Amino acid sequence: MEVGEEMAPGFAIREGYAVYRGPSADSSLHAHAAFQVAIAVRGEVTMVDASGTQHRAEALIVPPMARHRILAMTTLVTFFIEPHCAFADRLRHRCGDGITPAPELRGLSEKDLSAAGALPSAELDARLVKAMNTLAERRVPMPGLAATAGLSPQRLRALARDQLGMPLPRWRIWQRLSRAADALGAGQSLADAAVTGGFADQAHFTRQMREMMGLTPAAVLSALRPSIALSDVDGNRAGHC
């Protein structure tokens, strides 16, 4: 569905990306472990970077781990695109180290992402991708993970920093958040989804999601199940992004 069409609030996780549509509160500084494409349903979306510079456009790209905050909006569509999928290659060439206006992405839809999100990046080192796939399945200490990929720990860390823009432990948190959010969509409670994602408790899940996605689990739950009562969730219904 195109951004300009009327759509109900929602949150979904697909292969290679997640998408949120709904309100955005005026957030604090945070950084995602994915590319973010934030699109204004009407008008422009406004973000402030870590230096205090304001950025406004119909659509903005934020690269992984670039600290930013988004100003309050009634409704926006935001895509979180995993850095190891093929669509991320397009974004890597489009933006630098900071927030980048991208008006040509104003009409970005899930249809545009469905194929490229499922394909692996053509630009990431295959050994790094192997390490990421291993880490997505289970927790592995860095020496063992590096050995699996045929690299030294120092070289694996350097590849992650240079090609992903983040340490692998940060990327692993993103994977855990994806699993937990997927569990919410499958009908689990906030507390049970936290356990599914591998978090210590619901508070840990909430803190990590706010820091890494700019959203709260309560906002995701409300978007997934719009009829849920406010008293059934903790925290603000509005997302941050």
Protein backbone atom coordinates (compact mmCIF):
# COMPACT_ATOMS: atom_id res chain seq x y z
CA MET A 1 0.00 0.00 0.00
CA GLU A 2 1.33 3.42 -0.88
CA VAL A 3 2.15 5.97 1.79
CA GLY A 4 -0.42 8.42 0.49
CA GLU A 5 -3.28 5.95 0.93
CA GLU A 6 -5.30 5.64 4.12
CA MET A 7 -3.78 2.88 6.27
CA ALA A 8 -4.51 1.73 9.78
CA PRO A 9 -1.74 1.98 12.40
CA GLY A 10 0.40 -1.11 12.45
CA PHE A 11 3.75 -2.80 12.93
CA ALA A 12 5.13 -5.73 10.96
CA ILE A 13 8.40 -7.63 10.71
CA ARG A 14 9.31 -9.11 7.36
CA GLU A 15 12.46 -10.73 6.05
CA GLY A 16 15.10 -8.00 5.98
CA TYR A 17 13.00 -5.17 7.38
CA ALA A 18 10.31 -3.99 9.79
CA VAL A 19 7.71 -1.27 9.25
CA TYR A 20 5.81 0.90 11.72
CA ARG A 21 2.92 3.22 10.96
CA GLY A 22 1.45 5.36 13.69
CA PRO A 23 2.04 8.37 15.91
CA SER A 24 5.49 9.55 16.90
CA ALA A 25 6.21 11.30 20.17
CA ASP A 26 9.01 13.86 20.52
CA SER A 27 11.79 11.40 21.31
CA SER A 28 15.16 11.55 23.03
CA LEU A 29 18.38 10.81 21.14
CA HIS A 30 18.70 7.18 20.09
CA ALA A 31 20.32 5.06 17.37
CA HIS A 32 19.05 2.11 15.37
CA ALA A 33 20.98 -1.01 14.39
CA ALA A 34 19.40 -0.71 10.95
CA PHE A 35 18.85 1.86 8.27
CA GLN A 36 15.74 3.91 8.96
CA VAL A 37 13.61 5.48 6.26
CA ALA A 38 11.08 7.82 7.90
CA ILE A 39 8.29 9.08 5.64
CA ALA A 40 5.76 11.80 6.37
CA VAL A 41 2.22 10.80 5.46
CA ARG A 42 1.50 14.50 5.06
CA GLY A 43 3.96 17.39 5.00
CA GLU A 44 7.50 16.71 6.18
CA VAL A 45 9.22 14.65 8.85
CA THR A 46 11.65 16.50 11.10
CA MET A 47 14.67 15.02 12.86
CA VAL A 48 17.46 16.48 14.96
CA ASP A 49 20.93 14.91 14.89
CA ALA A 50 23.42 14.58 17.74
CA SER A 51 24.94 18.00 16.96
CA GLY A 52 21.54 19.70 17.23
CA THR A 53 21.14 20.26 13.47
CA GLN A 54 17.56 19.95 12.24
CA HIS A 55 16.69 18.01 9.08
CA ARG A 56 13.33 18.27 7.28
CA ALA A 57 12.04 16.45 4.20
CA GLU A 58 9.18 14.31 2.96
CA ALA A 59 11.45 11.32 3.62
CA LEU A 60 14.68 11.00 5.60
CA ILE A 61 17.28 8.20 5.72
CA VAL A 62 19.18 7.53 8.94
CA PRO A 63 22.18 5.16 8.68
CA PRO A 64 22.84 2.55 11.38
CA MET A 65 24.00 3.89 14.74
CA ALA A 66 23.57 7.57 13.79
CA ARG A 67 22.15 9.23 16.90
CA HIS A 68 19.03 11.31 16.26
CA ARG A 69 15.64 12.20 17.59
CA ILE A 70 12.41 12.70 15.72
CA LEU A 71 9.95 15.50 16.46
CA ALA A 72 6.35 14.61 17.23
CA MET A 73 4.06 13.70 14.35
CA THR A 74 0.48 12.51 14.26
CA THR A 75 1.27 9.77 11.75
CA LEU A 76 4.36 8.62 9.91
CA VAL A 77 5.60 5.49 8.19
CA THR A 78 9.05 4.31 9.16
CA PHE A 79 10.96 1.37 7.70
CA PHE A 80 13.79 -0.28 9.62
CA ILE A 81 15.96 -1.98 6.99
CA GLU A 82 18.53 -4.53 8.12
CA PRO A 83 22.05 -3.66 6.93
CA HIS A 84 22.76 -7.13 5.56
CA CYS A 85 19.90 -7.19 3.02
CA ALA A 86 20.11 -6.15 -0.63
CA PHE A 87 17.94 -3.05 -0.22
CA ALA A 88 20.46 -1.71 2.29
CA ASP A 89 23.06 -1.60 -0.50
CA ARG A 90 20.94 1.04 -2.22
CA LEU A 91 20.74 3.08 0.98
CA ARG A 92 24.47 2.81 1.65
CA HIS A 93 25.13 4.59 -1.63
CA ARG A 94 22.40 7.16 -0.99
CA CYS A 95 23.39 8.45 2.44
CA GLY A 96 26.59 9.24 4.29
CA ASP A 97 27.25 9.10 8.00
CA GLY A 98 24.28 11.24 8.98
CA ILE A 99 20.63 12.01 8.30
CA THR A 100 19.99 12.42 4.58
CA PRO A 101 16.91 13.88 2.81
CA ALA A 102 15.52 11.37 0.30
CA PRO A 103 12.37 12.78 -1.31
CA GLU A 104 12.52 10.08 -4.00
CA LEU A 105 11.61 7.53 -1.29
CA ARG A 106 8.36 9.34 -0.47
CA GLY A 107 6.36 6.55 -2.11
CA LEU A 108 8.36 3.63 -0.69
CA SER A 109 6.10 0.68 0.05
CA GLU A 110 6.44 -2.87 1.32
CA LYS A 111 6.07 -4.06 -2.26
CA ASP A 112 9.33 -2.27 -3.06
CA LEU A 113 11.08 -3.99 -0.16
CA SER A 114 9.67 -7.49 -0.26
CA ALA A 115 12.08 -8.86 -2.86
CA ALA A 116 15.22 -6.90 -2.00
CA GLY A 117 14.70 -7.38 1.73
CA ALA A 118 14.84 -11.14 1.32
CA LEU A 119 18.05 -11.07 -0.71
CA PRO A 120 21.50 -10.85 0.92
CA SER A 121 23.67 -7.80 0.44
CA ALA A 122 26.05 -8.02 -2.51
CA GLU A 123 28.51 -5.73 -0.73
CA LEU A 124 29.13 -7.28 2.68
CA ASP A 125 32.06 -9.65 3.11
CA ALA A 126 30.77 -13.24 2.94
CA ARG A 127 32.71 -14.12 6.11
CA LEU A 128 30.95 -11.34 8.01
CA VAL A 129 27.58 -12.56 6.72
CA LYS A 130 28.41 -16.08 7.90
CA ALA A 131 29.22 -14.75 11.37
CA MET A 132 25.97 -12.77 11.43
CA ASN A 133 23.93 -15.81 10.42
CA THR A 134 25.58 -17.86 13.15
CA LEU A 135 24.98 -15.17 15.75
CA ALA A 136 21.34 -14.83 14.74
CA GLU A 137 20.81 -18.49 15.63
CA ARG A 138 22.67 -18.69 18.92
CA ARG A 139 24.95 -16.81 21.26
CA VAL A 140 28.60 -17.50 20.45
CA PRO A 141 31.65 -15.92 22.16
CA MET A 142 33.70 -13.75 19.82
CA PRO A 143 36.67 -16.17 19.50
CA GLY A 144 34.38 -19.02 18.48
CA LEU A 145 32.35 -16.78 16.18
CA ALA A 146 35.48 -15.52 14.45
CA ALA A 147 36.79 -19.07 14.02
CA THR A 148 33.49 -20.09 12.42
CA ALA A 149 33.93 -17.31 9.88
CA GLY A 150 37.60 -18.11 9.31
CA LEU A 151 38.79 -14.80 10.74
CA SER A 152 40.66 -13.51 13.77
CA PRO A 153 38.50 -11.75 16.37
CA GLN A 154 40.24 -8.47 15.55
CA ARG A 155 39.50 -8.81 11.83
CA LEU A 156 35.86 -9.75 12.44
CA ARG A 157 35.40 -6.73 14.71
CA ALA A 158 36.95 -4.49 12.06
CA LEU A 159 34.69 -5.86 9.31
CA ALA A 160 31.59 -5.30 11.44
CA ARG A 161 32.66 -1.75 12.23
CA ASP A 162 33.55 -0.89 8.63
CA GLN A 163 30.71 -2.63 6.79
CA LEU A 164 27.85 -2.67 9.29
CA GLY A 165 28.74 0.50 11.12
CA MET A 166 28.32 -1.19 14.50
CA PRO A 167 29.77 -3.94 16.70
CA LEU A 168 28.20 -7.36 16.26
CA PRO A 169 26.78 -7.40 19.83
CA ARG A 170 24.67 -4.35 18.91
CA TRP A 171 23.44 -6.10 15.79
CA ARG A 172 22.55 -9.14 17.89
CA ILE A 173 20.37 -6.98 20.14
CA TRP A 174 18.50 -5.89 17.02
CA GLN A 175 17.85 -9.55 16.15
CA ARG A 176 16.55 -10.22 19.66
CA LEU A 177 14.24 -7.23 19.40
CA SER A 178 12.93 -8.52 16.08
CA ARG A 179 12.16 -11.91 17.65
CA ALA A 180 10.40 -10.29 20.60
CA ALA A 181 8.33 -7.99 18.36
CA ASP A 182 7.43 -10.96 16.18
CA ALA A 183 6.26 -12.75 19.33
CA LEU A 184 4.01 -9.81 20.16
CA GLY A 185 2.49 -10.13 16.71
CA ALA A 186 1.89 -13.82 17.36
CA GLY A 187 -0.20 -12.93 20.41
CA GLN A 188 2.28 -13.17 23.27
CA SER A 189 2.09 -10.76 26.19
CA LEU A 190 4.80 -8.14 26.71
CA ALA A 191 6.37 -10.23 29.47
CA ASP A 192 6.34 -13.45 27.42
CA ALA A 193 7.68 -11.69 24.32
CA ALA A 194 10.57 -10.35 26.40
CA VAL A 195 11.50 -13.93 27.35
CA THR A 196 11.16 -15.10 23.74
CA GLY A 197 13.56 -12.37 22.65
CA GLY A 198 16.07 -13.39 25.29
CA PHE A 199 15.70 -10.34 27.54
CA ALA A 200 15.98 -10.52 31.30
CA ASP A 201 12.49 -9.13 31.84
CA GLN A 202 9.90 -6.76 30.40
CA ALA A 203 11.74 -3.68 31.67
CA HIS A 204 14.93 -4.80 29.90
CA PHE A 205 12.95 -5.39 26.70
CA THR A 206 11.38 -1.93 26.94
CA ARG A 207 14.69 -0.21 27.57
CA GLN A 208 16.48 -1.94 24.69
CA MET A 209 13.66 -1.35 22.22
CA ARG A 210 13.48 2.34 23.11
CA GLU A 211 17.25 2.69 22.71
CA MET A 212 17.56 0.65 19.51
CA MET A 213 14.30 1.29 17.65
CA GLY A 214 12.99 4.47 19.19
CA LEU A 215 9.76 2.60 19.93
CA THR A 216 8.35 1.10 23.09
CA PRO A 217 6.91 -2.44 23.21
CA ALA A 218 3.65 -0.83 24.34
CA ALA A 219 3.53 1.25 21.15
CA VAL A 220 4.26 -1.82 19.03
CA LEU A 221 1.57 -3.81 20.85
CA SER A 222 -0.95 -1.02 20.35
CA ALA A 223 -0.11 -0.87 16.64
CA LEU A 224 -0.37 -4.65 16.29
CA ARG A 225 -3.62 -4.84 18.23
CA PRO A 226 -5.38 -1.44 17.92
CA SER A 227 -8.32 -2.56 20.06
CA ILE A 228 -6.14 -3.25 23.11
CA ALA A 229 -7.00 -1.14 26.14
CA LEU A 230 -4.49 1.42 27.32
CA SER A 231 -4.57 -0.16 30.78
CA ASP A 232 -3.31 -3.40 29.27
CA VAL A 233 0.10 -1.94 28.37
CA ASP A 234 2.79 -0.08 30.22
CA GLY A 235 4.12 3.23 28.98
CA ASN A 236 3.11 5.62 26.27
CA ARG A 237 1.04 4.38 23.33
CA ALA A 238 2.86 6.76 21.01
CA GLY A 239 5.98 5.48 19.33
CA HIS A 240 9.19 7.47 19.12
CA CYS A 241 11.07 6.14 16.06
